[in-house]
Amino acid sequence: MDTERVKIAQRVTWHGFFINLLLSIGKIVIGILGNSAAMIADGIHSLSDFVTDLIVIVFVRISGEESDKSHPYGHGKFETMASMLISIVLFGVAIGICANAAKQIYSVLQGNILNEPSGIALVAAVVSILAKEGLFQYTARVGKKINSSVLIANAWHHRSDALSSIGTLFGIGGALLLGGKFTILDPLAAILVSIFIGRVAYKIGFPTVQELLEASLPEDVEQEISLLIRNTEKVRFFHHLQTRKIGSAYAIDVHIKLDRSTSLVEAHDVATDIENQLRQKYGLQTQINIHMEPLSEDGHA
């Protein structure tokens, strides 16, 4: 990630950080004062955003550092690791919220009546939905613009908070309108919140696991790369195409076969042409390794 992308990503993340600060404090305080387990759970979810925002700020800066002796391919994997940590935090939050809500539901099933949430908790849920959805749209738009996987992952964390607040809104609203045993709707909403969070954690975590395990790029991307190499002048055959991701950048290794009569200068020009085409298509950060081989004497690969 270049310097400009790092600055943009950090600026967006700091904006989200301070909004999450206000939302977290507000929702937890209102949840306690308003007797709403769903709102407290929602506040804890927003509080987890602090951790993820800090992870993004720290790891995005590291991922933007130039290649060095210890990291000849750059520091892009730090961005991948940041997305993984966000996923782990989200899974932890989901499990904690679900466990707490389950205890309250069990209490109701034993004949106890939960305290009815107050109207202020309902207002807080509406404010949270609007604020977090706005943060999602803003962060995701910038993340796609600068092609930052960790920024997009953090945007989905904002969206998960907005979705959880929708569940909170219905839970608090139902408990307020119906009262009595229907106050169970509040912890049920908290359970719904945990499901939303867990789903988002999986959507963020699975691709990062694939990347850390050196999974190949998607098939359609590899087909594009193959077509580009195949259509390059003087390339007779190619094989051993290997691809992977390093943070937001692609890494591409391939063996190409040229006529035996091709000079070293010509072979170098062919490899350079392929590199330029790939970087033009996938970005200047693309890591490319091209091994050149001569055709066999009978002209076969």
Protein backbone atom coordinates (compact mmCIF):
# COMPACT_ATOMS: atom_id res chain seq x y z
CA MET A 1 0.00 0.00 0.00
CA ASP A 2 1.57 3.30 -1.08
CA THR A 3 1.89 6.38 1.13
CA GLU A 4 -1.19 8.15 -0.23
CA ARG A 5 -3.37 5.05 0.26
CA VAL A 6 -2.11 4.72 3.82
CA LYS A 7 -3.01 8.33 4.60
CA ILE A 8 -6.50 7.95 3.12
CA ALA A 9 -7.14 4.66 4.96
CA GLN A 10 -5.97 6.08 8.28
CA ARG A 11 -8.04 9.24 7.89
CA VAL A 12 -11.21 7.25 7.21
CA THR A 13 -10.48 4.93 10.14
CA TRP A 14 -9.92 7.82 12.56
CA HIS A 15 -13.30 9.26 11.56
CA GLY A 16 -14.95 5.94 12.40
CA PHE A 17 -12.93 5.67 15.60
CA PHE A 18 -14.33 8.87 17.13
CA ILE A 19 -17.89 8.16 15.99
CA ASN A 20 -17.64 4.70 17.57
CA LEU A 21 -16.39 6.31 20.77
CA LEU A 22 -19.54 8.42 21.06
CA LEU A 23 -21.85 5.57 20.04
CA SER A 24 -20.27 3.04 22.41
CA ILE A 25 -20.48 5.25 25.47
CA GLY A 26 -23.97 6.40 24.58
CA LYS A 27 -25.43 2.95 23.90
CA ILE A 28 -23.92 1.25 26.94
CA VAL A 29 -25.04 4.05 29.29
CA ILE A 30 -28.52 4.17 27.74
CA GLY A 31 -28.71 0.36 27.79
CA ILE A 32 -27.98 0.32 31.52
CA LEU A 33 -30.30 3.21 32.34
CA GLY A 34 -32.98 1.94 29.97
CA ASN A 35 -32.92 -1.71 31.17
CA SER A 36 -32.13 -3.06 27.71
CA ALA A 37 -29.90 -6.11 27.26
CA ALA A 38 -30.12 -5.67 23.50
CA MET A 39 -28.87 -2.09 23.71
CA ILE A 40 -26.01 -3.04 26.06
CA ALA A 41 -25.07 -5.81 23.60
CA ASP A 42 -25.23 -3.29 20.79
CA GLY A 43 -22.98 -0.96 22.79
CA ILE A 44 -20.45 -3.74 23.38
CA HIS A 45 -20.48 -4.43 19.66
CA SER A 46 -19.68 -0.77 19.00
CA LEU A 47 -16.98 -0.96 21.67
CA SER A 48 -15.36 -3.80 19.73
CA ASP A 49 -15.03 -1.36 16.85
CA PHE A 50 -12.40 0.45 18.91
CA VAL A 51 -10.23 -2.64 18.80
CA THR A 52 -10.71 -3.13 15.07
CA ASP A 53 -10.15 0.54 14.29
CA LEU A 54 -6.87 0.48 16.21
CA ILE A 55 -5.87 -2.71 14.40
CA VAL A 56 -6.57 -1.04 11.06
CA ILE A 57 -4.64 2.12 11.98
CA VAL A 58 -1.57 0.17 13.14
CA PHE A 59 -1.51 -2.54 10.48
CA VAL A 60 -2.32 -0.28 7.53
CA ARG A 61 0.71 1.83 8.43
CA ILE A 62 2.93 -1.28 8.59
CA SER A 63 1.56 -2.66 5.31
CA GLY A 64 2.48 0.62 3.60
CA GLU A 65 6.19 0.24 4.38
CA GLU A 66 8.58 -0.48 1.53
CA SER A 67 10.17 -3.88 0.94
CA ASP A 68 13.18 -4.65 3.10
CA LYS A 69 15.66 -7.46 3.68
CA SER A 70 13.27 -9.34 5.97
CA HIS A 71 10.21 -8.74 3.76
CA PRO A 72 11.38 -8.71 0.12
CA TYR A 73 7.78 -9.00 -1.10
CA GLY A 74 6.64 -6.02 0.96
CA HIS A 75 4.43 -5.91 4.05
CA GLY A 76 1.05 -6.58 2.41
CA LYS A 77 0.40 -9.66 4.56
CA PHE A 78 0.12 -7.36 7.59
CA GLU A 79 -3.06 -6.01 6.02
CA THR A 80 -4.35 -9.56 5.63
CA MET A 81 -3.49 -10.30 9.25
CA ALA A 82 -5.42 -7.19 10.32
CA SER A 83 -8.54 -8.48 8.55
CA MET A 84 -8.08 -11.82 10.29
CA LEU A 85 -7.84 -10.14 13.72
CA ILE A 86 -11.02 -8.17 12.97
CA SER A 87 -12.77 -11.45 12.19
CA ILE A 88 -11.55 -13.04 15.46
CA VAL A 89 -12.70 -10.03 17.49
CA LEU A 90 -16.13 -10.19 15.86
CA PHE A 91 -16.48 -13.92 16.59
CA GLY A 92 -15.57 -13.28 20.24
CA VAL A 93 -18.12 -10.47 20.52
CA ALA A 94 -20.83 -12.65 18.93
CA ILE A 95 -20.23 -15.51 21.38
CA GLY A 96 -20.22 -13.19 24.40
CA ILE A 97 -23.45 -11.45 23.42
CA CYS A 98 -25.18 -14.76 22.65
CA ALA A 99 -24.18 -16.30 25.99
CA ASN A 100 -25.42 -13.31 28.01
CA ALA A 101 -28.72 -13.14 26.14
CA ALA A 102 -29.24 -16.90 26.55
CA LYS A 103 -28.99 -16.52 30.34
CA GLN A 104 -31.73 -13.87 30.31
CA ILE A 105 -33.96 -15.98 28.08
CA TYR A 106 -33.50 -18.94 30.41
CA SER A 107 -34.51 -16.71 33.32
CA VAL A 108 -37.76 -15.76 31.56
CA LEU A 109 -38.50 -19.40 30.78
CA GLN A 110 -38.13 -20.11 34.51
CA GLY A 111 -41.01 -17.70 35.16
CA ASN A 112 -39.12 -14.49 35.85
CA ILE A 113 -40.07 -11.19 34.24
CA LEU A 114 -37.35 -8.97 32.86
CA ASN A 115 -37.37 -5.22 33.41
CA GLU A 116 -39.10 -3.42 30.57
CA PRO A 117 -36.75 -1.29 28.43
CA SER A 118 -37.41 2.45 28.24
CA GLY A 119 -38.19 4.63 25.22
CA ILE A 120 -34.77 6.27 25.25
CA ALA A 121 -33.25 2.93 24.28
CA LEU A 122 -35.51 2.90 21.22
CA VAL A 123 -34.30 6.36 20.18
CA ALA A 124 -30.68 5.28 20.66
CA ALA A 125 -31.23 2.30 18.34
CA VAL A 126 -32.52 4.57 15.55
CA VAL A 127 -29.58 6.97 15.95
CA SER A 128 -27.14 4.03 15.86
CA ILE A 129 -28.65 2.60 12.67
CA LEU A 130 -28.32 5.90 10.82
CA ALA A 131 -24.79 6.63 12.08
CA LYS A 132 -23.36 3.16 11.41
CA GLU A 133 -24.94 2.76 7.99
CA GLY A 134 -23.48 6.14 7.04
CA LEU A 135 -20.05 4.98 8.25
CA PHE A 136 -20.38 1.76 6.25
CA GLN A 137 -21.18 3.59 3.01
CA TYR A 138 -18.34 6.06 3.53
CA THR A 139 -15.70 3.50 4.53
CA ALA A 140 -16.65 0.91 1.89
CA ARG A 141 -16.62 3.51 -0.88
CA VAL A 142 -13.13 4.69 0.03
CA GLY A 143 -11.92 1.09 0.59
CA LYS A 144 -12.99 0.08 -2.93
CA LYS A 145 -11.50 3.25 -4.40
CA ILE A 146 -8.03 2.55 -2.95
CA ASN A 147 -8.41 -1.25 -3.14
CA SER A 148 -7.84 -1.83 0.58
CA SER A 149 -9.15 -5.19 1.86
CA VAL A 150 -8.72 -4.22 5.50
CA LEU A 151 -10.67 -0.97 5.02
CA ILE A 152 -13.48 -2.88 3.32
CA ALA A 153 -13.43 -5.42 6.16
CA ASN A 154 -13.76 -2.60 8.67
CA ALA A 155 -16.62 -1.14 6.65
CA TRP A 156 -18.49 -4.43 7.00
CA HIS A 157 -17.90 -4.22 10.72
CA HIS A 158 -19.76 -0.89 10.63
CA ARG A 159 -22.55 -2.53 8.59
CA SER A 160 -22.81 -5.39 11.11
CA ASP A 161 -23.31 -2.78 13.83
CA ALA A 162 -26.09 -1.15 11.81
CA LEU A 163 -27.77 -4.54 11.29
CA SER A 164 -27.47 -5.37 14.96
CA SER A 165 -29.11 -2.06 15.82
CA ILE A 166 -32.04 -2.97 13.55
CA GLY A 167 -32.50 -6.17 15.56
CA THR A 168 -32.17 -4.12 18.73
CA LEU A 169 -34.82 -1.70 17.47
CA PHE A 170 -37.36 -4.47 16.92
CA GLY A 171 -36.54 -6.18 20.20
CA ILE A 172 -36.86 -3.02 22.28
CA GLY A 173 -39.95 -1.90 20.34
CA GLY A 174 -41.71 -5.24 20.84
CA ALA A 175 -40.84 -5.37 24.54
CA LEU A 176 -42.13 -1.81 25.03
CA LEU A 177 -45.39 -2.31 23.15
CA LEU A 178 -46.31 -5.73 24.55
CA GLY A 179 -44.68 -5.72 28.00
CA GLY A 180 -44.91 -8.58 30.52
CA LYS A 181 -43.40 -11.84 29.33
CA PHE A 182 -42.82 -10.24 25.96
CA THR A 183 -39.83 -8.46 27.44
CA ILE A 184 -38.07 -11.65 26.32
CA LEU A 185 -38.00 -9.98 22.90
CA ASP A 186 -35.15 -7.79 24.14
CA PRO A 187 -32.65 -10.64 24.79
CA LEU A 188 -33.96 -12.42 21.70
CA ALA A 189 -32.92 -9.34 19.75
CA ALA A 190 -29.51 -9.63 21.37
CA ILE A 191 -29.28 -13.22 20.08
CA LEU A 192 -30.15 -11.92 16.62
CA VAL A 193 -27.39 -9.34 16.97
CA SER A 194 -24.86 -12.08 17.73
CA ILE A 195 -25.91 -14.04 14.62
CA PHE A 196 -25.43 -10.99 12.41
CA ILE A 197 -22.00 -10.38 13.91
CA GLY A 198 -20.94 -14.01 13.54
CA ARG A 199 -22.00 -14.06 9.88
CA VAL A 200 -19.98 -10.94 9.10
CA ALA A 201 -17.00 -12.41 10.98
CA TYR A 202 -17.12 -15.47 8.73
CA LYS A 203 -17.40 -13.37 5.55
CA ILE A 204 -14.32 -11.41 6.58
CA GLY A 205 -12.34 -14.31 8.02
CA PHE A 206 -12.72 -17.00 5.36
CA PRO A 207 -11.03 -15.07 2.49
CA THR A 208 -8.17 -14.04 4.80
CA VAL A 209 -7.59 -17.67 5.81
CA GLN A 210 -7.45 -18.57 2.12
CA GLU A 211 -4.96 -15.80 1.49
CA LEU A 212 -2.74 -16.71 4.44
CA LEU A 213 -2.76 -20.32 3.20
CA GLU A 214 -1.48 -19.06 -0.16
CA ALA A 215 -4.65 -19.89 -2.10
CA SER A 216 -4.60 -19.08 -5.82
CA LEU A 217 -6.32 -16.02 -7.22
CA PRO A 218 -9.92 -16.54 -8.45
CA GLU A 219 -10.23 -18.62 -11.61
CA ASP A 220 -11.50 -15.72 -13.72
CA VAL A 221 -8.42 -13.64 -12.77
CA GLU A 222 -6.08 -16.50 -13.68
CA GLN A 223 -7.86 -16.83 -17.02
CA GLU A 224 -7.29 -13.13 -17.68
CA ILE A 225 -3.61 -13.52 -16.86
CA SER A 226 -3.33 -16.59 -19.09
CA LEU A 227 -4.95 -14.78 -22.02
CA LEU A 228 -2.65 -11.79 -21.61
CA ILE A 229 0.49 -13.97 -21.60
CA ARG A 230 -0.72 -16.14 -24.47
CA ASN A 231 -1.38 -13.08 -26.65
CA THR A 232 2.04 -11.53 -26.00
CA GLU A 233 4.18 -11.49 -29.12
CA LYS A 234 6.94 -14.16 -29.33
CA VAL A 235 5.52 -16.25 -26.45
CA ARG A 236 5.10 -19.75 -27.88
CA PHE A 237 3.87 -21.56 -24.74
CA PHE A 238 3.62 -20.95 -21.02
CA HIS A 239 3.20 -23.20 -17.99
CA HIS A 240 3.55 -23.36 -14.19
CA LEU A 241 1.33 -20.31 -13.69
CA GLN A 242 1.15 -19.72 -9.94
CA THR A 243 -0.76 -16.88 -8.30
CA ARG A 244 -1.55 -15.60 -4.82
CA LYS A 245 -2.36 -12.42 -2.93
CA ILE A 246 -0.02 -10.37 -0.76
CA GLY A 247 -2.31 -7.96 1.06
CA SER A 248 -4.05 -5.95 -1.67
CA ALA A 249 -1.40 -6.86 -4.31
CA TYR A 250 -1.20 -9.86 -6.63
CA ALA A 251 1.84 -12.13 -6.93
CA ILE A 252 2.25 -13.93 -10.26
CA ASP A 253 4.88 -16.55 -11.20
CA VAL A 254 4.99 -18.13 -14.67
CA HIS A 255 7.33 -19.99 -17.05
CA ILE A 256 7.26 -18.89 -20.70
CA LYS A 257 8.80 -20.67 -23.71
CA LEU A 258 10.43 -18.74 -26.56
CA ASP A 259 12.03 -19.80 -29.83
CA ARG A 260 15.57 -21.07 -29.36
CA SER A 261 16.81 -18.40 -31.74
CA THR A 262 15.53 -15.61 -29.48
CA SER A 263 18.38 -13.45 -28.18
CA LEU A 264 18.82 -12.59 -24.52
CA VAL A 265 17.86 -8.98 -25.24
CA GLU A 266 14.69 -10.05 -27.06
CA ALA A 267 13.76 -12.47 -24.28
CA HIS A 268 14.22 -9.72 -21.72
CA ASP A 269 12.00 -7.40 -23.77
CA VAL A 270 9.26 -10.05 -23.92
CA ALA A 271 9.36 -10.53 -20.14
CA THR A 272 9.30 -6.76 -19.60
CA ASP A 273 6.31 -6.43 -21.93
CA ILE A 274 4.39 -9.05 -19.93
CA GLU A 275 5.31 -7.35 -16.64
CA ASN A 276 4.15 -3.94 -17.91
CA GLN A 277 0.84 -5.36 -19.14
CA LEU A 278 0.18 -7.14 -15.84
CA ARG A 279 1.05 -4.09 -13.73
CA GLN A 280 -1.11 -1.89 -15.92
CA LYS A 281 -4.03 -4.25 -15.36
CA TYR A 282 -3.54 -5.18 -11.69
CA GLY A 283 -1.55 -2.28 -10.25
CA LEU A 284 2.05 -1.18 -9.82
CA GLN A 285 2.36 -3.22 -6.61
CA THR A 286 1.93 -6.50 -8.55
CA GLN A 287 4.79 -8.92 -7.84
CA ILE A 288 5.85 -10.76 -11.03
CA ASN A 289 8.42 -13.50 -11.59
CA ILE A 290 8.89 -14.74 -15.16
CA HIS A 291 11.14 -17.70 -15.94
CA MET A 292 12.16 -17.91 -19.62
CA GLU A 293 12.83 -21.25 -21.32
CA PRO A 294 13.79 -22.22 -24.90
CA LEU A 295 11.58 -24.47 -27.00
CA SER A 296 12.89 -27.97 -27.60
CA GLU A 297 14.81 -28.52 -30.82
CA ASP A 298 11.79 -30.13 -32.50
CA GLY A 299 9.70 -27.04 -31.69
CA HIS A 300 7.49 -28.72 -29.08
CA ALA A 301 6.90 -27.45 -25.57
